[in-house]
Amino acid sequence: MNRILKSAVFVLATVYFTVDAIFLTVATPLARWMARRRIFVRFRRWIGSLGPYPSLALFAVPLIVLEPVKPVAAYLIGTGQIATGVTVLTIGEILKLVIVERLFKLCRRKLLKIPLFAWGYGHWRQGVDWLFSLKAWKAARRRILTVRLLLRNFLMQMRRSYSYRRLFAQSR
């Protein structure tokens, strides 16, 4: 039973890190780009002026609006509209990651002043810390990082090779 649980955690961790890496490669630059826009600087100041409960309401809006994207995407994929379903899921998840992550960074201190939110966040952090401490999780993380490093090295070699060939072709 313990071996089955460890295998399941390993598979889950591998899938989680793979999906996370894919979405974060797009979400992180998008979040940085958005943060530099003038409209978002003003929006950030406005968010900073809110109290804890209005911040909670603002934080909940993207979750409420974008969480139904998953079942809608599953329905589209289930009805044979695979490309549309994957597109809806990808765009919805990237938007949710960017918006919720950004709002949480801006409102974290205020949100943690709300006792129920602080209690829930504390339990969530304990669960995440426990999951990250599992050997299977660490093994999956190492495997994903190794694959990412190998892929990055391969892509760098391909770029160098292409640049070298292009340089060599121009010198003739």
N, C-alpha and C. Protein backbone atom coordinates (compact mmCIF):
# COMPACT_ATOMS: atom_id res chain seq x y z
N MET A 1 0.82 -1.19 0.00
CA MET A 1 0.00 0.00 0.00
C MET A 1 0.87 1.27 0.00
N ASN A 2 1.94 1.27 0.82
CA ASN A 2 2.83 2.41 0.90
C ASN A 2 3.54 2.65 -0.43
N ARG A 3 3.91 1.56 -1.10
CA ARG A 3 4.59 1.65 -2.39
C ARG A 3 3.66 2.24 -3.45
N ILE A 4 2.39 1.87 -3.41
CA ILE A 4 1.41 2.40 -4.36
C ILE A 4 1.22 3.90 -4.12
N LEU A 5 1.14 4.29 -2.85
CA LEU A 5 0.99 5.70 -2.51
C LEU A 5 2.19 6.51 -3.00
N LYS A 6 3.38 5.99 -2.79
CA LYS A 6 4.59 6.69 -3.24
C LYS A 6 4.62 6.81 -4.76
N SER A 7 4.22 5.76 -5.45
CA SER A 7 4.19 5.81 -6.92
C SER A 7 3.18 6.84 -7.40
N ALA A 8 2.02 6.86 -6.76
CA ALA A 8 0.99 7.84 -7.14
C ALA A 8 1.48 9.26 -6.90
N VAL A 9 2.14 9.50 -5.78
CA VAL A 9 2.67 10.83 -5.49
C VAL A 9 3.74 11.20 -6.51
N PHE A 10 4.58 10.25 -6.88
CA PHE A 10 5.62 10.51 -7.87
C PHE A 10 5.00 10.91 -9.21
N VAL A 11 4.01 10.17 -9.66
CA VAL A 11 3.35 10.49 -10.93
C VAL A 11 2.66 11.85 -10.85
N LEU A 12 1.95 12.08 -9.75
CA LEU A 12 1.26 13.35 -9.56
C LEU A 12 2.25 14.51 -9.54
N ALA A 13 3.36 14.34 -8.83
CA ALA A 13 4.37 15.39 -8.75
C ALA A 13 4.98 15.67 -10.12
N THR A 14 5.25 14.62 -10.87
CA THR A 14 5.83 14.79 -12.20
C THR A 14 4.87 15.55 -13.11
N VAL A 15 3.62 15.18 -13.10
CA VAL A 15 2.61 15.87 -13.92
C VAL A 15 2.48 17.32 -13.46
N TYR A 16 2.42 17.53 -12.14
CA TYR A 16 2.27 18.88 -11.60
C TYR A 16 3.42 19.77 -12.04
N PHE A 17 4.66 19.31 -11.86
CA PHE A 17 5.81 20.14 -12.22
C PHE A 17 5.89 20.37 -13.72
N THR A 18 5.51 19.38 -14.51
CA THR A 18 5.54 19.56 -15.95
C THR A 18 4.53 20.62 -16.38
N VAL A 19 3.31 20.50 -15.91
CA VAL A 19 2.27 21.48 -16.26
C VAL A 19 2.64 22.84 -15.70
N ASP A 20 3.12 22.87 -14.47
CA ASP A 20 3.52 24.13 -13.85
C ASP A 20 4.62 24.80 -14.65
N ALA A 21 5.61 24.03 -15.07
CA ALA A 21 6.72 24.59 -15.85
C ALA A 21 6.23 25.14 -17.18
N ILE A 22 5.32 24.43 -17.81
CA ILE A 22 4.78 24.89 -19.10
C ILE A 22 4.02 26.20 -18.92
N PHE A 23 3.10 26.24 -17.95
CA PHE A 23 2.31 27.45 -17.75
C PHE A 23 3.15 28.60 -17.24
N LEU A 24 4.10 28.34 -16.36
CA LEU A 24 4.91 29.42 -15.80
C LEU A 24 5.87 30.02 -16.81
N THR A 25 6.29 29.24 -17.82
CA THR A 25 7.16 29.82 -18.84
C THR A 25 6.45 30.92 -19.61
N VAL A 26 5.15 30.84 -19.68
CA VAL A 26 4.36 31.89 -20.34
C VAL A 26 3.87 32.91 -19.32
N ALA A 27 3.44 32.45 -18.16
CA ALA A 27 2.81 33.34 -17.18
C ALA A 27 3.80 34.33 -16.57
N THR A 28 5.01 33.91 -16.28
CA THR A 28 5.97 34.80 -15.62
C THR A 28 6.33 36.00 -16.48
N PRO A 29 6.73 35.82 -17.75
CA PRO A 29 7.02 37.01 -18.56
C PRO A 29 5.78 37.88 -18.78
N LEU A 30 4.62 37.25 -18.88
CA LEU A 30 3.39 38.01 -19.04
C LEU A 30 3.10 38.86 -17.81
N ALA A 31 3.31 38.30 -16.62
CA ALA A 31 3.10 39.04 -15.38
C ALA A 31 4.08 40.21 -15.27
N ARG A 32 5.32 40.00 -15.66
CA ARG A 32 6.31 41.08 -15.63
C ARG A 32 5.94 42.18 -16.61
N TRP A 33 5.51 41.79 -17.80
CA TRP A 33 5.11 42.76 -18.81
C TRP A 33 3.94 43.59 -18.32
N MET A 34 2.95 42.91 -17.73
CA MET A 34 1.77 43.62 -17.22
C MET A 34 2.15 44.59 -16.11
N ALA A 35 3.07 44.19 -15.24
CA ALA A 35 3.45 45.03 -14.10
C ALA A 35 4.08 46.34 -14.55
N ARG A 36 4.69 46.37 -15.73
CA ARG A 36 5.36 47.58 -16.21
C ARG A 36 4.41 48.55 -16.92
N ARG A 37 3.22 48.12 -17.26
CA ARG A 37 2.27 48.99 -17.96
C ARG A 37 1.73 50.05 -17.01
N ARG A 38 1.56 51.26 -17.54
CA ARG A 38 1.12 52.40 -16.74
C ARG A 38 -0.23 52.13 -16.07
N ILE A 39 -1.16 51.54 -16.80
CA ILE A 39 -2.49 51.28 -16.23
C ILE A 39 -2.39 50.33 -15.04
N PHE A 40 -1.48 49.38 -15.09
CA PHE A 40 -1.35 48.43 -14.00
C PHE A 40 -0.62 49.05 -12.81
N VAL A 41 0.22 50.05 -13.03
CA VAL A 41 0.86 50.75 -11.92
C VAL A 41 -0.22 51.48 -11.12
N ARG A 42 -1.14 52.16 -11.82
CA ARG A 42 -2.25 52.84 -11.14
C ARG A 42 -3.15 51.83 -10.43
N PHE A 43 -3.41 50.73 -11.09
CA PHE A 43 -4.24 49.67 -10.52
C PHE A 43 -3.60 49.12 -9.25
N ARG A 44 -2.27 48.97 -9.27
CA ARG A 44 -1.54 48.47 -8.10
C ARG A 44 -1.67 49.45 -6.93
N ARG A 45 -1.60 50.75 -7.22
CA ARG A 45 -1.79 51.74 -6.15
C ARG A 45 -3.19 51.65 -5.56
N TRP A 46 -4.17 51.47 -6.44
CA TRP A 46 -5.55 51.36 -5.97
C TRP A 46 -5.72 50.13 -5.08
N ILE A 47 -5.15 49.02 -5.50
CA ILE A 47 -5.22 47.79 -4.70
C ILE A 47 -4.54 48.01 -3.35
N GLY A 48 -3.44 48.73 -3.34
CA GLY A 48 -2.73 49.01 -2.09
C GLY A 48 -3.56 49.84 -1.12
N SER A 49 -4.50 50.61 -1.63
CA SER A 49 -5.33 51.44 -0.76
C SER A 49 -6.51 50.69 -0.16
N LEU A 50 -6.78 49.49 -0.65
CA LEU A 50 -7.92 48.72 -0.15
C LEU A 50 -7.63 48.11 1.22
N GLY A 51 -8.69 47.86 1.96
CA GLY A 51 -8.57 47.18 3.24
C GLY A 51 -8.54 45.66 3.04
N PRO A 52 -8.48 44.91 4.14
CA PRO A 52 -8.38 43.44 4.03
C PRO A 52 -9.59 42.78 3.35
N TYR A 53 -10.81 43.15 3.73
CA TYR A 53 -11.98 42.48 3.16
C TYR A 53 -12.25 42.87 1.70
N PRO A 54 -12.10 44.15 1.32
CA PRO A 54 -12.20 44.44 -0.12
C PRO A 54 -11.10 43.74 -0.93
N SER A 55 -9.91 43.59 -0.33
CA SER A 55 -8.83 42.85 -1.01
C SER A 55 -9.23 41.39 -1.21
N LEU A 56 -9.88 40.81 -0.20
CA LEU A 56 -10.36 39.43 -0.31
C LEU A 56 -11.39 39.31 -1.42
N ALA A 57 -12.31 40.26 -1.50
CA ALA A 57 -13.32 40.23 -2.56
C ALA A 57 -12.65 40.34 -3.93
N LEU A 58 -11.69 41.24 -4.05
CA LEU A 58 -10.97 41.41 -5.32
C LEU A 58 -10.19 40.15 -5.67
N PHE A 59 -9.60 39.50 -4.67
CA PHE A 59 -8.83 38.27 -4.87
C PHE A 59 -9.75 37.13 -5.31
N ALA A 60 -10.98 37.13 -4.81
CA ALA A 60 -11.92 36.04 -5.11
C ALA A 60 -12.50 36.14 -6.52
N VAL A 61 -12.59 37.33 -7.07
CA VAL A 61 -13.24 37.52 -8.38
C VAL A 61 -12.60 36.69 -9.48
N PRO A 62 -11.27 36.77 -9.70
CA PRO A 62 -10.70 35.94 -10.78
C PRO A 62 -10.85 34.45 -10.53
N LEU A 63 -10.81 34.05 -9.26
CA LEU A 63 -11.00 32.63 -8.96
C LEU A 63 -12.41 32.18 -9.34
N ILE A 64 -13.39 33.00 -8.98
CA ILE A 64 -14.78 32.65 -9.28
C ILE A 64 -15.04 32.68 -10.79
N VAL A 65 -14.46 33.64 -11.47
CA VAL A 65 -14.70 33.79 -12.92
C VAL A 65 -13.93 32.75 -13.72
N LEU A 66 -12.68 32.48 -13.35
CA LEU A 66 -11.82 31.63 -14.18
C LEU A 66 -11.78 30.15 -13.76
N GLU A 67 -12.27 29.82 -12.59
CA GLU A 67 -12.27 28.41 -12.17
C GLU A 67 -13.20 27.55 -13.04
N PRO A 68 -14.35 28.05 -13.48
CA PRO A 68 -15.20 27.21 -14.36
C PRO A 68 -14.59 26.90 -15.73
N VAL A 69 -13.43 27.49 -16.02
CA VAL A 69 -12.77 27.23 -17.30
C VAL A 69 -12.40 25.74 -17.42
N LYS A 70 -11.99 25.13 -16.31
CA LYS A 70 -11.57 23.72 -16.35
C LYS A 70 -12.71 22.80 -16.76
N PRO A 71 -13.89 22.87 -16.13
CA PRO A 71 -14.97 21.98 -16.58
C PRO A 71 -15.44 22.29 -18.00
N VAL A 72 -15.42 23.57 -18.37
CA VAL A 72 -15.81 23.92 -19.75
C VAL A 72 -14.82 23.31 -20.73
N ALA A 73 -13.53 23.42 -20.43
CA ALA A 73 -12.51 22.82 -21.30
C ALA A 73 -12.66 21.30 -21.35
N ALA A 74 -12.94 20.68 -20.21
CA ALA A 74 -13.14 19.23 -20.17
C ALA A 74 -14.35 18.84 -21.02
N TYR A 75 -15.42 19.63 -20.95
CA TYR A 75 -16.60 19.36 -21.76
C TYR A 75 -16.27 19.48 -23.26
N LEU A 76 -15.55 20.53 -23.62
CA LEU A 76 -15.18 20.72 -25.03
C LEU A 76 -14.31 19.57 -25.53
N ILE A 77 -13.35 19.17 -24.72
CA ILE A 77 -12.48 18.05 -25.11
C ILE A 77 -13.30 16.76 -25.20
N GLY A 78 -14.22 16.57 -24.26
CA GLY A 78 -15.06 15.37 -24.24
C GLY A 78 -16.01 15.28 -25.41
N THR A 79 -16.40 16.43 -25.97
CA THR A 79 -17.31 16.43 -27.11
C THR A 79 -16.57 16.45 -28.44
N GLY A 80 -15.25 16.26 -28.39
CA GLY A 80 -14.49 16.14 -29.61
C GLY A 80 -13.86 17.43 -30.10
N GLN A 81 -14.08 18.53 -29.41
CA GLN A 81 -13.49 19.82 -29.80
C GLN A 81 -12.19 20.01 -29.03
N ILE A 82 -11.23 19.16 -29.37
CA ILE A 82 -9.99 19.07 -28.60
C ILE A 82 -9.18 20.36 -28.68
N ALA A 83 -8.99 20.89 -29.86
CA ALA A 83 -8.18 22.11 -30.01
C ALA A 83 -8.81 23.28 -29.25
N THR A 84 -10.12 23.42 -29.35
CA THR A 84 -10.81 24.50 -28.65
C THR A 84 -10.71 24.30 -27.14
N GLY A 85 -10.90 23.08 -26.68
CA GLY A 85 -10.81 22.78 -25.25
C GLY A 85 -9.44 23.05 -24.68
N VAL A 86 -8.41 22.63 -25.39
CA VAL A 86 -7.04 22.86 -24.94
C VAL A 86 -6.73 24.36 -24.94
N THR A 87 -7.20 25.07 -25.95
CA THR A 87 -6.99 26.52 -26.02
C THR A 87 -7.68 27.23 -24.87
N VAL A 88 -8.93 26.86 -24.60
CA VAL A 88 -9.67 27.47 -23.48
C VAL A 88 -8.96 27.19 -22.17
N LEU A 89 -8.54 25.95 -21.96
CA LEU A 89 -7.85 25.59 -20.73
C LEU A 89 -6.54 26.36 -20.59
N THR A 90 -5.77 26.42 -21.65
CA THR A 90 -4.47 27.10 -21.61
C THR A 90 -4.63 28.58 -21.30
N ILE A 91 -5.48 29.25 -22.05
CA ILE A 91 -5.67 30.69 -21.84
C ILE A 91 -6.25 30.97 -20.45
N GLY A 92 -7.24 30.19 -20.05
CA GLY A 92 -7.85 30.38 -18.74
C GLY A 92 -6.87 30.16 -17.60
N GLU A 93 -6.07 29.11 -17.68
CA GLU A 93 -5.11 28.82 -16.62
C GLU A 93 -4.00 29.86 -16.56
N ILE A 94 -3.52 30.30 -17.71
CA ILE A 94 -2.48 31.34 -17.72
C ILE A 94 -3.03 32.63 -17.14
N LEU A 95 -4.23 33.02 -17.55
CA LEU A 95 -4.84 34.23 -16.98
C LEU A 95 -5.01 34.10 -15.47
N LYS A 96 -5.52 32.95 -15.05
CA LYS A 96 -5.74 32.74 -13.62
C LYS A 96 -4.43 32.79 -12.85
N LEU A 97 -3.41 32.11 -13.35
CA LEU A 97 -2.11 32.12 -12.69
C LEU A 97 -1.55 33.53 -12.57
N VAL A 98 -1.60 34.27 -13.67
CA VAL A 98 -1.04 35.61 -13.68
C VAL A 98 -1.81 36.54 -12.75
N ILE A 99 -3.12 36.56 -12.89
CA ILE A 99 -3.93 37.50 -12.11
C ILE A 99 -3.94 37.14 -10.63
N VAL A 100 -4.21 35.89 -10.31
CA VAL A 100 -4.29 35.48 -8.90
C VAL A 100 -2.93 35.60 -8.22
N GLU A 101 -1.87 35.19 -8.89
CA GLU A 101 -0.53 35.28 -8.30
C GLU A 101 -0.17 36.74 -8.05
N ARG A 102 -0.47 37.58 -8.99
CA ARG A 102 -0.15 39.01 -8.86
C ARG A 102 -0.97 39.64 -7.72
N LEU A 103 -2.26 39.35 -7.70
CA LEU A 103 -3.11 39.89 -6.64
C LEU A 103 -2.68 39.37 -5.26
N PHE A 104 -2.30 38.10 -5.18
CA PHE A 104 -1.88 37.56 -3.90
C PHE A 104 -0.61 38.25 -3.42
N LYS A 105 0.33 38.50 -4.33
CA LYS A 105 1.55 39.20 -3.93
C LYS A 105 1.24 40.60 -3.42
N LEU A 106 0.30 41.27 -4.08
CA LEU A 106 -0.05 42.63 -3.68
C LEU A 106 -0.85 42.68 -2.38
N CYS A 107 -1.67 41.67 -2.13
CA CYS A 107 -2.61 41.70 -1.00
C CYS A 107 -2.26 40.75 0.13
N ARG A 108 -1.17 40.05 0.06
CA ARG A 108 -0.88 38.98 1.02
C ARG A 108 -0.95 39.46 2.47
N ARG A 109 -0.26 40.54 2.78
CA ARG A 109 -0.26 41.02 4.17
C ARG A 109 -1.66 41.37 4.65
N LYS A 110 -2.44 42.00 3.78
CA LYS A 110 -3.81 42.36 4.17
C LYS A 110 -4.69 41.13 4.31
N LEU A 111 -4.54 40.17 3.39
CA LEU A 111 -5.35 38.96 3.46
C LEU A 111 -5.04 38.15 4.71
N LEU A 112 -3.79 38.14 5.12
CA LEU A 112 -3.41 37.39 6.31
C LEU A 112 -3.89 38.05 7.60
N LYS A 113 -4.40 39.27 7.51
CA LYS A 113 -5.01 39.93 8.68
C LYS A 113 -6.41 39.39 8.95
N ILE A 114 -7.00 38.71 7.96
CA ILE A 114 -8.32 38.11 8.12
C ILE A 114 -8.10 36.75 8.80
N PRO A 115 -8.64 36.56 10.00
CA PRO A 115 -8.32 35.33 10.76
C PRO A 115 -8.63 34.03 10.01
N LEU A 116 -9.78 33.93 9.38
CA LEU A 116 -10.14 32.69 8.68
C LEU A 116 -9.22 32.45 7.48
N PHE A 117 -8.88 33.51 6.77
CA PHE A 117 -7.97 33.37 5.64
C PHE A 117 -6.59 32.93 6.13
N ALA A 118 -6.12 33.55 7.21
CA ALA A 118 -4.80 33.21 7.76
C ALA A 118 -4.79 31.75 8.22
N TRP A 119 -5.88 31.30 8.85
CA TRP A 119 -5.98 29.91 9.30
C TRP A 119 -5.93 28.96 8.10
N GLY A 120 -6.74 29.25 7.07
CA GLY A 120 -6.76 28.41 5.88
C GLY A 120 -5.43 28.42 5.15
N TYR A 121 -4.82 29.58 5.04
CA TYR A 121 -3.52 29.69 4.37
C TYR A 121 -2.45 28.92 5.15
N GLY A 122 -2.51 28.98 6.47
CA GLY A 122 -1.55 28.23 7.29
C GLY A 122 -1.67 26.74 7.08
N HIS A 123 -2.91 26.23 7.03
CA HIS A 123 -3.12 24.80 6.79
C HIS A 123 -2.71 24.41 5.37
N TRP A 124 -3.00 25.29 4.42
CA TRP A 124 -2.61 25.01 3.04
C TRP A 124 -1.08 24.94 2.94
N ARG A 125 -0.37 25.88 3.58
CA ARG A 125 1.09 25.88 3.57
C ARG A 125 1.65 24.62 4.21
N GLN A 126 1.01 24.17 5.31
CA GLN A 126 1.45 22.93 5.96
C GLN A 126 1.32 21.75 5.00
N GLY A 127 0.21 21.69 4.28
CA GLY A 127 -0.01 20.62 3.32
C GLY A 127 1.00 20.66 2.19
N VAL A 128 1.27 21.85 1.69
CA VAL A 128 2.26 22.00 0.61
C VAL A 128 3.65 21.62 1.11
N ASP A 129 4.00 22.08 2.30
CA ASP A 129 5.31 21.74 2.87
C ASP A 129 5.45 20.23 3.07
N TRP A 130 4.37 19.58 3.55
CA TRP A 130 4.40 18.12 3.73
C TRP A 130 4.59 17.43 2.39
N LEU A 131 3.85 17.88 1.37
CA LEU A 131 3.96 17.28 0.04
C LEU A 131 5.37 17.46 -0.52
N PHE A 132 5.94 18.65 -0.36
CA PHE A 132 7.28 18.92 -0.86
C PHE A 132 8.35 18.13 -0.11
N SER A 133 8.06 17.69 1.11
CA SER A 133 9.04 16.95 1.89
C SER A 133 9.07 15.46 1.54
N LEU A 134 8.09 14.98 0.79
CA LEU A 134 8.05 13.56 0.44
C LEU A 134 9.19 13.21 -0.52
N LYS A 135 9.76 12.03 -0.34
CA LYS A 135 10.86 11.59 -1.20
C LYS A 135 10.42 11.49 -2.66
N ALA A 136 9.20 11.02 -2.87
CA ALA A 136 8.70 10.88 -4.24
C ALA A 136 8.60 12.25 -4.92
N TRP A 137 8.16 13.25 -4.17
CA TRP A 137 8.05 14.60 -4.72
C TRP A 137 9.44 15.13 -5.10
N LYS A 138 10.40 14.92 -4.20
CA LYS A 138 11.76 15.40 -4.45
C LYS A 138 12.36 14.68 -5.66
N ALA A 139 12.08 13.39 -5.79
CA ALA A 139 12.60 12.63 -6.93
C ALA A 139 12.00 13.14 -8.23
N ALA A 140 10.71 13.41 -8.21
CA ALA A 140 10.05 13.94 -9.42
C ALA A 140 10.62 15.32 -9.77
N ARG A 141 10.83 16.14 -8.78
CA ARG A 141 11.39 17.48 -9.00
C ARG A 141 12.79 17.39 -9.61
N ARG A 142 13.62 16.49 -9.07
CA ARG A 142 14.97 16.30 -9.63
C ARG A 142 14.89 15.85 -11.09
N ARG A 143 13.98 14.92 -11.37
CA ARG A 143 13.84 14.40 -12.72
C ARG A 143 13.43 15.51 -13.69
N ILE A 144 12.45 16.33 -13.28
CA ILE A 144 11.99 17.43 -14.13
C ILE A 144 13.10 18.45 -14.34
N LEU A 145 13.84 18.79 -13.30
CA LEU A 145 14.94 19.74 -13.44
C LEU A 145 16.03 19.20 -14.34
N THR A 146 16.30 17.90 -14.26
CA THR A 146 17.30 17.28 -15.13
C THR A 146 16.85 17.36 -16.59
N VAL A 147 15.60 17.03 -16.84
CA VAL A 147 15.07 17.09 -18.20
C VAL A 147 15.10 18.52 -18.72
N ARG A 148 14.72 19.48 -17.86
CA ARG A 148 14.73 20.89 -18.27
C ARG A 148 16.15 21.33 -18.63
N LEU A 149 17.13 20.93 -17.83
CA LEU A 149 18.52 21.28 -18.10
C LEU A 149 19.00 20.66 -19.40
N LEU A 150 18.68 19.39 -19.60
CA LEU A 150 19.07 18.73 -20.86
C LEU A 150 18.42 19.40 -22.06
N LEU A 151 17.16 19.75 -21.94
CA LEU A 151 16.46 20.42 -23.04
C LEU A 151 17.07 21.79 -23.32
N ARG A 152 17.37 22.54 -22.25
CA ARG A 152 17.98 23.86 -22.45
C ARG A 152 19.34 23.74 -23.12
N ASN A 153 20.17 22.78 -22.69
CA ASN A 153 21.47 22.58 -23.32
C ASN A 153 21.33 22.18 -24.77
N PHE A 154 20.36 21.32 -25.06
CA PHE A 154 20.13 20.90 -26.45
C PHE A 154 19.72 22.09 -27.30
N LEU A 155 18.82 22.92 -26.80
CA LEU A 155 18.38 24.09 -27.56
C LEU A 155 19.51 25.09 -27.77
N MET A 156 20.36 25.25 -26.77
CA MET A 156 21.51 26.15 -26.93
C MET A 156 22.47 25.62 -27.98
N GLN A 157 22.69 24.31 -28.00
CA GLN A 157 23.56 23.72 -29.02
C GLN A 157 22.96 23.90 -30.41
N MET A 158 21.66 23.74 -30.50
CA MET A 158 20.99 23.92 -31.80
C MET A 158 21.13 25.37 -32.27
N ARG A 159 20.96 26.33 -31.38
CA ARG A 159 21.11 27.74 -31.76
C ARG A 159 22.53 28.04 -32.21
N ARG A 160 23.52 27.53 -31.45
CA ARG A 160 24.92 27.75 -31.83
C ARG A 160 25.21 27.13 -33.19
N SER A 161 24.71 25.93 -33.40
CA SER A 161 24.92 25.24 -34.66
C SER A 161 24.30 26.02 -35.80
N TYR A 162 23.08 26.52 -35.59
CA TYR A 162 22.40 27.28 -36.62
C TYR A 162 23.15 28.59 -36.89
N SER A 163 23.57 29.27 -35.83
CA SER A 163 24.31 30.53 -36.00
C SER A 163 25.63 30.28 -36.71
N TYR A 164 26.31 29.20 -36.37
CA TYR A 164 27.58 28.88 -36.99
C TYR A 164 27.38 28.59 -38.47
N ARG A 165 26.37 27.78 -38.80
CA ARG A 165 26.12 27.46 -40.21
C ARG A 165 25.76 28.72 -41.00
N ARG A 166 24.94 29.59 -40.38
CA ARG A 166 24.53 30.82 -41.07
C ARG A 166 25.75 31.72 -41.27
N LEU A 167 26.61 31.84 -40.28
CA LEU A 167 27.82 32.64 -40.39
C LEU A 167 28.75 32.07 -41.45
N PHE A 168 28.88 30.73 -41.45
CA PHE A 168 29.75 30.08 -42.43
C PHE A 168 29.21 30.28 -43.85
N ALA A 169 27.89 30.20 -44.01
CA ALA A 169 27.27 30.37 -45.34
C ALA A 169 27.44 31.78 -45.83
N GLN A 170 27.43 32.78 -44.96
CA GLN A 170 27.57 34.18 -45.38
C GLN A 170 29.01 34.50 -45.80
N SER A 171 29.99 33.79 -45.26
CA SER A 171 31.38 34.08 -45.57
C SER A 171 31.80 33.55 -46.93
N ARG A 172 30.99 32.73 -47.55
CA ARG A 172 31.34 32.17 -48.86
C ARG A 172 31.08 33.10 -49.96
